[in-house]
């Protein structure tokens, strides 16, 4: 192939689409690949950091991406005024293909981080003494792919209702961790700190009740493909008893809790298996 003079605007455009590819276009392969793999490293770190505090990770991730993107653009704009040897990989159309391959791979790595396992941080007292504030728990998102949801499973789910007032479905979903108490077809009634399943008292090894007035809730007839949730710390928990729609559709259940993997205040909690 003959020599060619790289175009500054082509290099800028390629780096705008995918940082590092503009450098490959200029035949600065090592520099370009370093920038590309720095993005892969960020995505891989995301799998780790998201286990601890997803909010802070996102801030770190976005800031790092901006800095990499700006550096790649500034560097891509510096095109030397002499021809370079044309190869199969530094033609503009080849680089464009590389750019979209990099974008697709990055997207795949990001999706992988949340496909199987994801970390959640406990912020309330709804599940004491099973879960404590500042517990970090690992959730298996694929657990129910080939297994049924069972009574007393600890699950994470999306719930559209605010626990105290009804809202419409256009509002942002909230994520909760609660225990499955009622299954499809069950009738659940709660009266004076006792749970009645289909009219008979239900053995409850997880619930902690306090105070004098335990309240009366139900009876609830649970529809198909829906579940009734309670927090283990019954009094302060905001759960199916308080939702405008008390039933959680199966499609809203994101996964099953596995274990506690971190607690900065109580390291002895680390490794606690959740059941």
Protein backbone atom coordinates (compact mmCIF):
# COMPACT_ATOMS: atom_id res chain seq x y z
CA UNK A 1 0.00 0.00 0.00
CA UNK A 2 1.15 3.55 -0.71
CA UNK A 3 1.87 6.22 1.90
CA UNK A 4 -0.83 8.70 2.89
CA UNK A 5 -1.16 11.89 4.91
CA UNK A 6 -3.50 11.41 7.92
CA UNK A 7 -6.35 13.88 8.07
CA UNK A 8 -6.69 15.74 11.39
CA UNK A 9 -10.49 15.84 11.19
CA UNK A 10 -10.74 12.12 10.45
CA UNK A 11 -8.51 11.38 13.46
CA UNK A 12 -10.64 13.66 15.63
CA UNK A 13 -13.85 12.07 14.40
CA UNK A 14 -12.62 8.54 15.08
CA UNK A 15 -11.44 9.46 18.58
CA UNK A 16 -14.75 11.20 19.22
CA UNK A 17 -16.59 7.99 18.34
CA UNK A 18 -14.18 5.74 20.25
CA UNK A 19 -11.14 7.17 22.11
CA UNK A 20 -7.89 5.60 20.94
CA UNK A 21 -9.00 4.73 17.42
CA UNK A 22 -7.84 8.12 16.11
CA UNK A 23 -4.34 7.21 17.30
CA UNK A 24 -4.54 3.86 15.49
CA UNK A 25 -5.50 5.79 12.35
CA UNK A 26 -2.31 7.86 12.78
CA UNK A 27 -0.31 4.61 13.12
CA UNK A 28 0.33 5.28 16.81
CA UNK A 29 -0.84 1.77 17.56
CA UNK A 30 0.65 1.31 21.04
CA UNK A 31 -0.81 4.61 22.25
CA UNK A 32 -4.17 3.88 20.65
CA UNK A 33 -4.43 0.40 22.15
CA UNK A 34 -3.42 1.77 25.56
CA UNK A 35 -6.33 4.21 25.44
CA UNK A 36 -8.72 1.51 24.22
CA UNK A 37 -7.68 -0.95 26.94
CA UNK A 38 -7.91 1.76 29.62
CA UNK A 39 -11.63 1.81 28.88
CA UNK A 40 -11.81 -1.97 29.21
CA UNK A 41 -9.98 -1.67 32.52
CA UNK A 42 -12.55 0.88 33.73
CA UNK A 43 -15.38 -1.43 32.74
CA UNK A 44 -13.73 -4.36 34.53
CA UNK A 45 -13.16 -2.23 37.64
CA UNK A 46 -16.85 -1.42 37.48
CA UNK A 47 -17.68 -5.05 38.26
CA UNK A 48 -15.66 -4.65 41.47
CA UNK A 49 -16.59 -1.10 42.50
CA UNK A 50 -20.30 -1.56 41.86
CA UNK A 51 -20.29 -4.17 44.63
CA UNK A 52 -19.53 -1.48 47.18
CA UNK A 53 -21.21 1.76 46.20
CA UNK A 54 -22.67 2.02 42.73
CA UNK A 55 -23.24 5.78 43.03
CA UNK A 56 -19.60 6.58 43.74
CA UNK A 57 -18.43 4.16 41.09
CA UNK A 58 -20.57 5.87 38.47
CA UNK A 59 -19.08 9.24 39.40
CA UNK A 60 -15.55 7.83 39.15
CA UNK A 61 -16.38 6.04 35.90
CA UNK A 62 -17.91 9.07 34.18
CA UNK A 63 -15.06 11.40 35.26
CA UNK A 64 -12.44 8.91 34.07
CA UNK A 65 -14.21 8.47 30.73
CA UNK A 66 -14.34 12.24 30.20
CA UNK A 67 -10.61 12.59 30.94
CA UNK A 68 -9.71 9.72 28.60
CA UNK A 69 -11.97 11.12 25.90
CA UNK A 70 -10.47 14.64 26.18
CA UNK A 71 -6.91 13.31 26.11
CA UNK A 72 -7.67 11.17 23.06
CA UNK A 73 -9.21 14.15 21.23
CA UNK A 74 -6.33 16.50 22.03
CA UNK A 75 -3.76 13.93 21.01
CA UNK A 76 -5.66 13.00 17.83
CA UNK A 77 -5.66 16.66 16.74
CA UNK A 78 -1.84 16.63 16.60
CA UNK A 79 -1.18 15.18 13.17
CA UNK A 80 2.41 15.25 11.92
CA UNK A 81 2.88 16.95 8.58
CA UNK A 82 4.39 14.02 6.72
CA UNK A 83 2.99 10.90 5.06
CA UNK A 84 2.85 7.56 6.86
CA UNK A 85 2.75 4.04 5.51
CA UNK A 86 -0.75 2.81 4.76
CA UNK A 87 -1.69 -0.54 6.27
CA UNK A 88 -4.86 -2.61 6.48
CA UNK A 89 -5.66 -1.30 9.95
CA UNK A 90 -4.99 2.45 9.59
CA UNK A 91 -7.31 3.20 6.68
CA UNK A 92 -10.27 5.32 7.80
CA UNK A 93 -12.85 2.64 6.98
CA UNK A 94 -10.88 -0.03 8.87
CA UNK A 95 -10.63 2.29 11.88
CA UNK A 96 -14.35 2.98 11.73
CA UNK A 97 -15.01 -0.77 11.99
CA UNK A 98 -12.56 -0.98 14.92
CA UNK A 99 -14.36 1.92 16.62
CA UNK A 100 -17.73 0.19 16.51
CA UNK A 101 -16.20 -3.12 17.62
CA UNK A 102 -14.72 -1.36 20.65
CA UNK A 103 -18.06 0.29 21.48
CA UNK A 104 -19.86 -3.06 21.22
CA UNK A 105 -17.30 -4.86 23.39
CA UNK A 106 -17.45 -2.16 26.07
CA UNK A 107 -21.22 -2.41 26.13
CA UNK A 108 -20.96 -6.18 26.50
CA UNK A 109 -18.57 -5.92 29.45
CA UNK A 110 -20.89 -3.44 31.18
CA UNK A 111 -23.89 -5.70 30.68
CA UNK A 112 -21.93 -8.67 32.00
CA UNK A 113 -21.23 -6.85 35.28
CA UNK A 114 -24.96 -6.86 36.13
CA UNK A 115 -26.13 -10.03 34.39
CA UNK A 116 -25.23 -12.67 36.97
CA UNK A 117 -24.35 -11.01 40.27
CA UNK A 118 -24.77 -7.50 41.62
CA UNK A 119 -24.03 -5.88 44.94
CA UNK A 120 -26.56 -3.95 47.02
CA UNK A 121 -26.02 -1.84 50.12
CA UNK A 122 -28.48 -2.12 53.01
CA UNK A 123 -29.57 1.29 54.27
CA UNK A 124 -32.46 0.61 56.64
CA UNK A 125 -33.59 -1.55 59.54
CA UNK A 126 -36.38 -3.43 57.79
CA UNK A 127 -34.56 -6.77 58.02
CA UNK A 128 -32.78 -6.69 61.35
CA UNK A 129 -31.50 -9.03 62.70
CA UNK A 130 -31.09 -10.80 59.34
CA UNK A 131 -29.58 -7.77 57.61
CA UNK A 132 -28.06 -4.65 59.14
CA UNK A 133 -27.47 -1.15 57.83
CA UNK A 134 -24.20 -0.97 55.85
CA UNK A 135 -24.27 -4.67 55.01
CA UNK A 136 -23.25 -5.15 51.39
CA UNK A 137 -25.04 -8.16 49.94
CA UNK A 138 -24.52 -10.10 46.75
CA UNK A 139 -27.61 -10.90 44.68
CA UNK A 140 -27.78 -13.74 42.18
CA UNK A 141 -29.75 -12.39 39.21
CA UNK A 142 -29.90 -15.78 37.47
CA UNK A 143 -31.03 -17.86 40.46
CA UNK A 144 -34.66 -18.02 39.32
CA UNK A 145 -33.88 -18.76 35.70
CA UNK A 146 -34.50 -22.48 36.30
CA UNK A 147 -35.76 -22.50 39.90
CA UNK A 148 -39.13 -21.46 41.35
CA UNK A 149 -39.51 -18.61 43.82
CA UNK A 150 -40.14 -20.20 47.20
CA UNK A 151 -41.72 -19.04 50.43
CA UNK A 152 -39.27 -17.25 52.76
CA UNK A 153 -36.74 -16.51 50.01
CA UNK A 154 -34.93 -13.19 50.48
CA UNK A 155 -35.27 -11.35 47.17
CA UNK A 156 -34.57 -7.99 45.58
CA UNK A 157 -37.32 -6.48 43.46
CA UNK A 158 -38.53 -3.32 41.77
CA UNK A 159 -41.65 -1.75 43.20
CA UNK A 160 -43.41 1.21 41.59
CA UNK A 161 -45.38 2.14 44.69
CA UNK A 162 -44.01 4.47 47.29
CA UNK A 163 -44.54 2.52 50.54
CA UNK A 164 -46.95 5.15 51.87
CA UNK A 165 -48.71 6.67 48.87
CA UNK A 166 -49.85 5.50 45.47
CA UNK A 167 -47.91 6.79 42.47
CA UNK A 168 -48.33 6.25 38.76
CA UNK A 169 -46.13 3.99 36.67
CA UNK A 170 -44.36 6.88 34.97
CA UNK A 171 -42.42 7.50 38.15
CA UNK A 172 -39.03 5.94 38.89
CA UNK A 173 -38.96 2.38 40.18
CA UNK A 174 -37.67 1.73 43.69
CA UNK A 175 -35.58 -1.29 44.58
CA UNK A 176 -36.30 -3.18 47.79
CA UNK A 177 -35.09 -6.28 49.60
CA UNK A 178 -37.84 -8.23 51.32
CA UNK A 179 -38.80 -11.80 52.21
CA UNK A 180 -41.37 -13.74 50.18
CA UNK A 181 -44.23 -14.70 52.50
CA UNK A 182 -47.16 -15.23 50.13
CA UNK A 183 -47.12 -17.25 46.91
CA UNK A 184 -49.53 -17.15 43.94
CA UNK A 185 -52.94 -18.49 44.96
CA UNK A 186 -52.35 -17.99 48.70
CA UNK A 187 -54.62 -16.05 51.00
CA UNK A 188 -52.62 -14.08 53.56
CA UNK A 189 -54.00 -12.35 56.64
CA UNK A 190 -52.02 -10.66 59.42
CA UNK A 191 -53.60 -10.08 62.81
CA UNK A 192 -51.94 -9.27 66.13
CA UNK A 193 -48.42 -10.33 65.04
CA UNK A 194 -49.65 -13.60 63.58
CA UNK A 195 -49.66 -14.55 59.91
CA UNK A 196 -52.50 -16.71 58.66
CA UNK A 197 -51.98 -18.73 55.50
CA UNK A 198 -55.22 -19.87 53.88
CA UNK A 199 -56.98 -19.45 57.24
CA UNK A 200 -54.45 -21.39 59.35
CA UNK A 201 -51.62 -19.94 61.50
CA UNK A 202 -48.34 -19.98 59.58
CA UNK A 203 -45.04 -20.87 61.22
CA UNK A 204 -42.85 -17.78 60.96
CA UNK A 205 -39.21 -18.23 62.02
CA UNK A 206 -38.02 -14.92 60.60
CA UNK A 207 -40.42 -12.20 61.77
CA UNK A 208 -39.61 -9.91 64.70
CA UNK A 209 -42.55 -7.98 66.13
CA UNK A 210 -42.51 -5.19 68.70
CA UNK A 211 -44.89 -2.67 70.27
CA UNK A 212 -48.42 -3.23 71.48
CA UNK A 213 -50.56 -2.67 68.40
CA UNK A 214 -49.50 -5.15 65.72
CA UNK A 215 -52.34 -4.15 63.40
CA UNK A 216 -54.68 -6.10 61.18
CA UNK A 217 -53.97 -6.51 57.46
CA UNK A 218 -55.86 -8.41 54.83
CA UNK A 219 -57.02 -10.90 53.99
CA UNK A 220 -55.08 -10.70 50.70
CA UNK A 221 -55.77 -13.10 47.85
CA UNK A 222 -52.56 -13.26 45.86
CA UNK A 223 -53.06 -13.40 42.07
CA UNK A 224 -51.13 -15.56 39.62
CA UNK A 225 -47.46 -14.72 39.03
CA UNK A 226 -47.41 -12.38 42.04
CA UNK A 227 -45.98 -12.48 45.56
CA UNK A 228 -46.54 -10.93 48.97
CA UNK A 229 -43.46 -9.48 50.72
CA UNK A 230 -42.61 -8.66 54.33
CA UNK A 231 -39.51 -7.32 56.05
CA UNK A 232 -38.15 -9.44 58.89
CA UNK A 233 -38.27 -6.47 61.28
CA UNK A 234 -42.02 -6.26 60.95
CA UNK A 235 -42.88 -2.99 62.74
CA UNK A 236 -40.62 -0.49 60.91
CA UNK A 237 -40.64 -2.37 57.62
CA UNK A 238 -42.54 -0.78 54.73
CA UNK A 239 -43.65 -3.71 52.62
CA UNK A 240 -46.67 -5.33 50.94
CA UNK A 241 -48.87 -4.29 53.86
CA UNK A 242 -48.35 -0.64 52.91
CA UNK A 243 -48.10 -0.63 49.13
CA UNK A 244 -51.03 0.66 47.12
CA UNK A 245 -50.71 -2.59 45.14
CA UNK A 246 -49.49 -5.16 47.69
CA UNK A 247 -48.61 -7.83 45.12
CA UNK A 248 -45.18 -7.96 43.47
CA UNK A 249 -45.22 -9.40 39.93
CA UNK A 250 -42.72 -12.17 39.25
CA UNK A 251 -41.20 -10.08 36.44
CA UNK A 252 -40.22 -7.42 39.01
CA UNK A 253 -38.17 -9.84 41.09
CA UNK A 254 -34.52 -9.31 40.14
CA UNK A 255 -32.81 -12.10 42.05
CA UNK A 256 -32.12 -13.94 45.29
CA UNK A 257 -29.76 -12.77 48.03
CA UNK A 258 -26.67 -14.93 48.45
CA UNK A 259 -24.46 -13.63 51.26
CA UNK A 260 -22.95 -10.57 52.97
CA UNK A 261 -19.59 -9.77 51.40
CA UNK A 262 -18.71 -6.53 53.19
CA UNK A 263 -19.56 -4.41 56.22
CA UNK A 264 -17.12 -1.68 57.19
CA UNK A 265 -18.51 -1.41 60.74
CA UNK A 266 -18.75 -5.12 61.45
CA UNK A 267 -16.24 -7.29 59.57
CA UNK A 268 -17.60 -10.39 61.29
CA UNK A 269 -20.66 -10.06 59.04
CA UNK A 270 -18.53 -10.79 55.98
CA UNK A 271 -19.36 -14.21 54.56
CA UNK A 272 -22.73 -14.47 56.30
CA UNK A 273 -24.91 -16.78 54.20
CA UNK A 274 -28.42 -15.41 53.81
CA UNK A 275 -31.47 -17.63 53.98
